[in-house]
Amino acid sequence: MDRHSVAHIHAEYQGEVGTYSIPDGVLLAGNLPQNKHKLVVAWIEIHQDDLLADWELAVNGQKPFPIKGLDQ
């Protein structure tokens, strides 16, 4: 399966990167500290509709809209 066939995000914390599925918040690759992992999963749940809409834009070659991150 092509790794870009699953809607996902990349989350970074202190040089560590985790790749998370947007539909269900599952960690697909990488690793983040447990407390940061929980924050990312909650953030995905809160912003899921916006993330999926941005994913569709991105895969169709369009610029996604900004979504406020955890560090903002």
N, C-alpha and C. Protein backbone atom coordinates (compact mmCIF):
# COMPACT_ATOMS: atom_id res chain seq x y z
N MET A 1 0.85 -1.18 0.00
CA MET A 1 0.00 0.00 0.00
C MET A 1 0.89 1.24 0.00
N ASP A 2 0.55 2.20 -0.83
CA ASP A 2 1.28 3.46 -0.85
C ASP A 2 1.04 4.20 0.46
N ARG A 3 2.12 4.67 1.06
CA ARG A 3 1.98 5.30 2.37
C ARG A 3 1.12 6.56 2.32
N HIS A 4 0.95 7.15 1.15
CA HIS A 4 0.11 8.33 1.05
C HIS A 4 -1.33 8.00 0.67
N SER A 5 -1.71 6.74 0.69
CA SER A 5 -3.10 6.39 0.43
C SER A 5 -3.95 6.54 1.68
N VAL A 6 -3.32 6.62 2.85
CA VAL A 6 -4.03 6.81 4.11
C VAL A 6 -3.87 8.28 4.50
N ALA A 7 -4.99 8.95 4.75
CA ALA A 7 -4.93 10.35 5.20
C ALA A 7 -4.18 10.39 6.53
N HIS A 8 -3.12 11.22 6.58
CA HIS A 8 -2.30 11.24 7.79
C HIS A 8 -1.65 12.60 8.00
N ILE A 9 -1.13 12.78 9.20
CA ILE A 9 -0.35 13.97 9.54
C ILE A 9 0.98 13.52 10.12
N HIS A 10 1.93 14.45 10.14
CA HIS A 10 3.21 14.23 10.78
C HIS A 10 3.29 15.18 11.97
N ALA A 11 3.53 14.65 13.15
CA ALA A 11 3.66 15.46 14.36
C ALA A 11 5.11 15.37 14.84
N GLU A 12 5.66 16.52 15.21
CA GLU A 12 7.06 16.56 15.64
C GLU A 12 7.17 17.15 17.04
N TYR A 13 8.04 16.54 17.85
CA TYR A 13 8.33 17.04 19.19
C TYR A 13 9.79 16.75 19.51
N GLN A 14 10.55 17.78 19.72
CA GLN A 14 11.96 17.67 20.08
C GLN A 14 12.73 16.70 19.19
N GLY A 15 12.53 16.84 17.88
CA GLY A 15 13.27 16.03 16.93
C GLY A 15 12.68 14.66 16.65
N GLU A 16 11.68 14.25 17.41
CA GLU A 16 11.00 12.98 17.17
C GLU A 16 9.77 13.25 16.31
N VAL A 17 9.47 12.34 15.38
CA VAL A 17 8.33 12.51 14.49
C VAL A 17 7.44 11.29 14.56
N GLY A 18 6.14 11.55 14.63
CA GLY A 18 5.15 10.49 14.58
C GLY A 18 4.21 10.75 13.41
N THR A 19 3.85 9.70 12.69
CA THR A 19 2.89 9.80 11.60
C THR A 19 1.59 9.18 12.09
N TYR A 20 0.52 9.98 12.03
CA TYR A 20 -0.77 9.57 12.59
C TYR A 20 -1.85 9.56 11.52
N SER A 21 -2.68 8.53 11.55
CA SER A 21 -3.84 8.43 10.68
C SER A 21 -4.86 9.48 11.10
N ILE A 22 -5.40 10.24 10.15
CA ILE A 22 -6.40 11.24 10.49
C ILE A 22 -7.75 10.60 10.88
N PRO A 23 -8.22 9.60 10.16
CA PRO A 23 -9.55 9.07 10.51
C PRO A 23 -9.67 8.49 11.92
N ASP A 24 -8.58 7.90 12.44
CA ASP A 24 -8.71 7.24 13.74
C ASP A 24 -7.60 7.56 14.74
N GLY A 25 -6.65 8.42 14.37
CA GLY A 25 -5.59 8.82 15.30
C GLY A 25 -4.57 7.75 15.62
N VAL A 26 -4.54 6.68 14.84
CA VAL A 26 -3.59 5.59 15.07
C VAL A 26 -2.18 6.03 14.66
N LEU A 27 -1.20 5.70 15.48
CA LEU A 27 0.20 5.97 15.15
C LEU A 27 0.62 4.99 14.07
N LEU A 28 0.99 5.51 12.89
CA LEU A 28 1.38 4.67 11.77
C LEU A 28 2.88 4.41 11.72
N ALA A 29 3.66 5.40 12.16
CA ALA A 29 5.11 5.27 12.14
C ALA A 29 5.71 6.27 13.11
N GLY A 30 6.92 6.01 13.54
CA GLY A 30 7.61 6.93 14.42
C GLY A 30 7.21 6.74 15.87
N ASN A 31 7.57 7.74 16.67
CA ASN A 31 7.30 7.64 18.09
C ASN A 31 7.37 9.02 18.73
N LEU A 32 6.45 9.30 19.61
CA LEU A 32 6.47 10.50 20.44
C LEU A 32 6.32 10.07 21.89
N PRO A 33 6.78 10.90 22.83
CA PRO A 33 6.54 10.56 24.25
C PRO A 33 5.04 10.37 24.49
N GLN A 34 4.70 9.49 25.41
CA GLN A 34 3.29 9.11 25.64
C GLN A 34 2.39 10.32 25.90
N ASN A 35 2.86 11.27 26.72
CA ASN A 35 2.00 12.43 27.02
C ASN A 35 1.77 13.28 25.76
N LYS A 36 2.77 13.40 24.90
CA LYS A 36 2.61 14.16 23.65
C LYS A 36 1.76 13.39 22.65
N HIS A 37 1.91 12.08 22.64
CA HIS A 37 1.08 11.22 21.79
C HIS A 37 -0.40 11.45 22.11
N LYS A 38 -0.74 11.48 23.38
CA LYS A 38 -2.14 11.68 23.78
C LYS A 38 -2.65 13.04 23.33
N LEU A 39 -1.80 14.07 23.41
CA LEU A 39 -2.20 15.40 22.95
C LEU A 39 -2.46 15.42 21.45
N VAL A 40 -1.59 14.75 20.68
CA VAL A 40 -1.76 14.71 19.23
C VAL A 40 -3.05 13.99 18.86
N VAL A 41 -3.32 12.87 19.50
CA VAL A 41 -4.54 12.11 19.21
C VAL A 41 -5.78 12.96 19.53
N ALA A 42 -5.76 13.69 20.64
CA ALA A 42 -6.88 14.56 20.99
C ALA A 42 -7.02 15.69 19.97
N TRP A 43 -5.89 16.27 19.55
CA TRP A 43 -5.91 17.36 18.56
C TRP A 43 -6.49 16.86 17.24
N ILE A 44 -6.11 15.67 16.82
CA ILE A 44 -6.66 15.09 15.59
C ILE A 44 -8.17 14.94 15.71
N GLU A 45 -8.64 14.46 16.84
CA GLU A 45 -10.07 14.28 17.03
C GLU A 45 -10.81 15.62 16.95
N ILE A 46 -10.27 16.65 17.57
CA ILE A 46 -10.89 17.97 17.56
C ILE A 46 -10.93 18.56 16.15
N HIS A 47 -9.86 18.36 15.39
CA HIS A 47 -9.72 18.99 14.06
C HIS A 47 -9.94 18.02 12.90
N GLN A 48 -10.53 16.87 13.17
CA GLN A 48 -10.63 15.82 12.16
C GLN A 48 -11.29 16.28 10.86
N ASP A 49 -12.40 16.99 10.94
CA ASP A 49 -13.08 17.43 9.71
C ASP A 49 -12.19 18.35 8.89
N ASP A 50 -11.54 19.31 9.55
CA ASP A 50 -10.64 20.23 8.85
C ASP A 50 -9.44 19.50 8.28
N LEU A 51 -8.90 18.56 9.03
CA LEU A 51 -7.75 17.79 8.55
C LEU A 51 -8.09 16.97 7.31
N LEU A 52 -9.24 16.33 7.33
CA LEU A 52 -9.66 15.54 6.17
C LEU A 52 -9.92 16.43 4.95
N ALA A 53 -10.51 17.60 5.18
CA ALA A 53 -10.73 18.53 4.07
C ALA A 53 -9.39 18.99 3.49
N ASP A 54 -8.43 19.30 4.37
CA ASP A 54 -7.11 19.71 3.90
C ASP A 54 -6.40 18.57 3.18
N TRP A 55 -6.59 17.35 3.64
CA TRP A 55 -5.98 16.19 2.97
C TRP A 55 -6.48 16.12 1.53
N GLU A 56 -7.78 16.28 1.35
CA GLU A 56 -8.35 16.23 -0.01
C GLU A 56 -7.77 17.34 -0.89
N LEU A 57 -7.63 18.53 -0.35
CA LEU A 57 -7.01 19.61 -1.11
C LEU A 57 -5.58 19.24 -1.51
N ALA A 58 -4.82 18.75 -0.55
CA ALA A 58 -3.40 18.44 -0.79
C ALA A 58 -3.23 17.36 -1.84
N VAL A 59 -4.01 16.29 -1.76
CA VAL A 59 -3.85 15.20 -2.73
C VAL A 59 -4.31 15.62 -4.12
N ASN A 60 -5.09 16.69 -4.19
CA ASN A 60 -5.53 17.21 -5.48
C ASN A 60 -4.68 18.38 -5.95
N GLY A 61 -3.53 18.56 -5.31
CA GLY A 61 -2.58 19.57 -5.74
C GLY A 61 -2.92 20.99 -5.33
N GLN A 62 -3.84 21.12 -4.40
CA GLN A 62 -4.23 22.45 -3.94
C GLN A 62 -3.60 22.73 -2.57
N LYS A 63 -3.50 24.01 -2.24
CA LYS A 63 -2.90 24.39 -0.97
C LYS A 63 -3.91 24.20 0.17
N PRO A 64 -3.53 23.45 1.21
CA PRO A 64 -4.43 23.27 2.35
C PRO A 64 -4.54 24.55 3.18
N PHE A 65 -5.63 24.67 3.90
CA PHE A 65 -5.82 25.80 4.81
C PHE A 65 -5.06 25.56 6.11
N PRO A 66 -4.53 26.61 6.73
CA PRO A 66 -3.83 26.43 8.01
C PRO A 66 -4.79 25.99 9.11
N ILE A 67 -4.29 25.14 9.98
CA ILE A 67 -5.04 24.69 11.16
C ILE A 67 -4.15 24.98 12.36
N LYS A 68 -4.70 25.61 13.36
CA LYS A 68 -3.92 25.98 14.54
C LYS A 68 -3.37 24.71 15.19
N GLY A 69 -2.04 24.70 15.39
CA GLY A 69 -1.38 23.55 15.99
C GLY A 69 -1.34 23.64 17.50
N LEU A 70 -0.78 22.64 18.11
CA LEU A 70 -0.66 22.60 19.57
C LEU A 70 0.34 23.61 20.09
N ASP A 71 1.27 24.05 19.24
CA ASP A 71 2.30 24.96 19.68
C ASP A 71 1.93 26.42 19.46
N GLN A 72 0.71 26.68 19.05
CA GLN A 72 0.29 28.06 18.75
C GLN A 72 -0.67 28.58 19.77
